[in-house]
Protein backbone atom coordinates (compact mmCIF):
# COMPACT_ATOMS: atom_id res chain seq x y z
CA MET A 1 -0.01 -0.01 -0.01
CA ASN A 2 2.84 2.30 0.94
CA LYS A 3 4.56 1.69 -2.48
CA LEU A 4 1.27 2.41 -4.27
CA ASN A 5 1.08 5.84 -2.55
CA VAL A 6 4.68 6.64 -3.48
CA LEU A 7 4.01 5.61 -7.09
CA LEU A 8 0.74 7.70 -7.18
CA VAL A 9 2.68 10.73 -5.86
CA ALA A 10 5.45 10.25 -8.41
CA VAL A 11 2.90 10.10 -11.29
CA VAL A 12 1.14 13.18 -10.13
CA MET A 13 4.39 15.03 -9.90
CA VAL A 14 5.44 13.99 -13.45
CA PHE A 15 2.09 15.13 -14.82
CA ALA A 16 2.22 18.40 -12.86
CA THR A 17 5.71 19.06 -14.10
CA GLY A 18 4.77 18.27 -17.69
CA PHE A 19 1.68 20.55 -17.46
CA ALA A 20 3.79 23.47 -15.98
CA LYS A 21 6.29 23.05 -18.78
CA ALA A 22 3.56 23.01 -21.45
CA GLN A 23 2.40 26.44 -20.27
CA LYS A 24 4.61 29.38 -21.04
CA LEU A 25 4.36 31.48 -17.87
CA ALA A 26 6.15 34.74 -16.90
CA TYR A 27 5.95 37.32 -14.28
CA VAL A 28 6.70 41.04 -14.15
CA ASP A 29 7.32 43.28 -11.18
CA VAL A 30 5.02 46.12 -12.18
CA ASN A 31 5.95 48.21 -9.11
CA SER A 32 9.60 48.32 -10.00
CA ILE A 33 8.67 49.31 -13.57
CA PHE A 34 6.43 52.10 -12.28
CA THR A 35 9.08 53.51 -9.94
CA THR A 36 11.79 53.57 -12.64
CA MET A 37 9.71 55.26 -15.33
CA PRO A 38 10.55 58.95 -15.94
CA GLU A 39 6.83 59.67 -16.53
CA MET A 40 6.10 58.33 -12.98
CA LYS A 41 8.90 60.47 -11.50
CA SER A 42 7.54 63.51 -13.27
CA LEU A 43 3.98 62.75 -12.05
CA ASP A 44 5.22 62.38 -8.47
CA GLN A 45 6.96 65.78 -8.72
CA GLN A 46 3.76 67.38 -10.11
CA LEU A 47 1.70 65.82 -7.31
CA GLN A 48 4.19 67.03 -4.72
CA ASN A 49 4.03 70.56 -6.02
CA LEU A 50 0.27 70.48 -6.09
CA GLN A 51 0.11 69.16 -2.60
CA THR A 52 2.55 71.83 -1.36
CA ALA A 53 0.46 74.58 -2.92
CA LYS A 54 -2.81 73.29 -1.55
CA GLN A 55 -1.23 72.74 1.89
CA GLY A 56 0.08 76.33 1.93
CA GLU A 57 -3.36 77.63 1.01
CA LEU A 58 -5.05 75.57 3.70
CA GLU A 59 -2.49 76.65 6.32
CA LYS A 60 -3.07 80.31 5.42
CA GLN A 61 -6.84 79.89 5.79
CA GLY A 62 -6.36 78.00 9.01
CA LYS A 63 -4.08 80.71 10.51
CA SER A 64 -6.58 83.42 9.58
CA LEU A 65 -9.34 81.39 11.28
CA GLN A 66 -7.29 80.86 14.42
CA ASP A 67 -6.50 84.64 14.57
CA LEU A 68 -10.20 85.42 14.18
CA MET A 69 -11.14 82.90 16.89
CA LYS A 70 -8.58 84.36 19.29
CA LYS A 71 -9.79 87.90 18.60
CA TYR A 72 -13.44 86.82 19.20
CA GLN A 73 -12.51 85.02 22.36
CA ASP A 74 -10.64 88.02 23.69
CA GLU A 75 -13.57 90.29 22.82
CA ALA A 76 -16.32 87.89 24.08
CA PRO A 77 -16.64 89.26 27.62
CA LYS A 78 -17.19 92.77 26.23
CA GLN A 79 -19.86 91.77 23.69
CA THR A 80 -23.51 90.98 24.00
CA GLN A 81 -24.85 87.40 23.97
CA GLN A 82 -26.38 87.91 20.55
CA ILE A 83 -23.07 89.17 18.95
CA ASN A 84 -21.20 86.24 20.60
CA GLU A 85 -23.69 83.76 19.13
CA GLN A 86 -23.34 85.38 15.66
CA ARG A 87 -19.58 85.19 15.95
CA SER A 88 -19.77 81.56 17.07
CA GLN A 89 -21.90 80.80 13.99
CA GLU A 90 -19.51 82.70 11.78
CA VAL A 91 -16.54 80.69 13.13
CA GLN A 92 -18.39 77.47 12.68
CA LYS A 93 -19.15 78.35 9.10
CA LEU A 94 -15.54 79.22 8.43
CA GLN A 95 -14.45 75.90 10.01
CA ASP A 96 -16.87 74.06 7.75
CA ASN A 97 -15.56 75.95 4.73
CA LEU A 98 -11.96 75.04 5.69
CA GLN A 99 -12.92 71.30 5.94
CA GLN A 100 -14.60 71.54 2.54
CA MET A 101 -11.44 73.11 1.10
CA TYR A 102 -9.38 70.31 2.61
CA ALA A 103 -11.68 67.70 1.03
CA ALA A 104 -11.62 69.50 -2.34
CA ALA A 105 -7.81 69.61 -2.20
CA GLN A 106 -7.63 65.86 -1.47
CA LYS A 107 -10.03 65.24 -4.35
CA ASP A 108 -8.07 67.44 -6.76
CA ILE A 109 -4.87 65.57 -5.88
CA ALA A 110 -6.51 62.20 -6.38
CA GLU A 111 -7.96 63.12 -9.68
CA LYS A 112 -4.65 64.54 -10.92
CA ARG A 113 -2.98 61.27 -9.80
CA ASP A 114 -5.52 59.04 -11.53
CA ALA A 115 -5.40 61.16 -14.72
CA GLY A 116 -1.61 60.94 -14.76
CA LEU A 117 -1.47 57.24 -13.97
CA ASP A 118 -3.81 56.19 -16.79
CA PRO A 119 -1.42 56.80 -19.70
CA ILE A 120 1.47 55.26 -17.72
CA GLU A 121 -0.54 52.13 -16.98
CA LYS A 122 -1.61 51.89 -20.62
CA LYS A 123 2.05 52.21 -21.77
CA ILE A 124 3.16 49.43 -19.35
CA ASN A 125 0.29 47.17 -20.32
CA ALA A 126 1.09 47.65 -24.04
CA ALA A 127 4.73 46.76 -23.38
CA ILE A 128 3.75 43.68 -21.40
CA SER A 129 1.49 42.54 -24.19
CA LYS A 130 4.16 43.13 -26.84
CA VAL A 131 6.85 41.22 -24.87
CA ALA A 132 4.44 38.37 -24.05
CA LYS A 133 3.41 37.95 -27.74
CA ALA A 134 6.99 38.17 -28.93
CA ALA A 135 8.26 35.61 -26.37
CA GLY A 136 5.21 33.35 -26.76
CA TYR A 137 4.07 33.64 -23.13
CA GLU A 138 0.53 32.51 -22.59
CA TYR A 139 0.18 34.11 -19.18
CA VAL A 140 2.02 37.00 -17.45
CA PHE A 141 1.48 37.60 -13.76
CA ASP A 142 2.38 40.64 -11.62
CA SER A 143 4.89 39.36 -9.11
CA SER A 144 3.92 41.93 -6.53
CA SER A 145 0.22 40.87 -6.57
CA PRO A 146 -1.89 37.96 -7.73
CA ALA A 147 -3.03 39.84 -10.79
CA LEU A 148 -3.01 38.35 -14.20
CA LEU A 149 -1.67 40.95 -16.69
CA TYR A 150 -1.78 39.07 -20.01
CA LYS A 151 -3.44 35.91 -21.17
CA ALA A 152 -3.48 33.90 -24.34
CA GLY A 153 -4.54 30.30 -25.04
CA VAL A 154 -7.86 28.68 -24.59
CA ASP A 155 -10.57 30.32 -22.41
CA ALA A 156 -12.59 27.62 -20.71
CA THR A 157 -15.10 30.03 -19.32
CA PRO A 158 -17.80 29.36 -21.98
CA ALA A 159 -17.50 25.58 -21.46
CA VAL A 160 -17.76 25.92 -17.67
CA LYS A 161 -20.79 28.15 -18.07
CA LYS A 162 -22.45 25.69 -20.37
CA GLU A 163 -21.73 22.91 -17.91
CA LEU A 164 -23.36 24.93 -15.15
CA GLY A 165 -26.34 25.79 -17.35
CA LEU A 166 -25.62 29.46 -17.37
């Protein structure tokens, strides 16, 4: 019985090795490609400049809000209840505006990043496809994630769907 198990394992290993050799697989480290591309370095610099500009603007607004709050706090004992309530509402409105500005700045940076990444990703994917076709790779995986970047060969999806009655 023990010899039968060893023989079975050996047969499975031979078939598995033969199957792996029949498939032309490759992998690519997409992260290292991204970081070495001049377009990505340029985009990072643009995003850094944009973030610095937005941060300066937000700090300026925040400083002016803090100065106004300090002024109102210092003057509060000398003012009527109604004026203090109006000032409190004004400060709350300015704080809300500052938060909205912060959210808008984050959104602007994210949109700029996405818009800049799109052509870079397309360029990398085109290069991967070209290399894969030239070398005869059937599948190319991203080594930094479980993502399949390129595929060729037979797609069994329709047969599986048919088997399942879908």
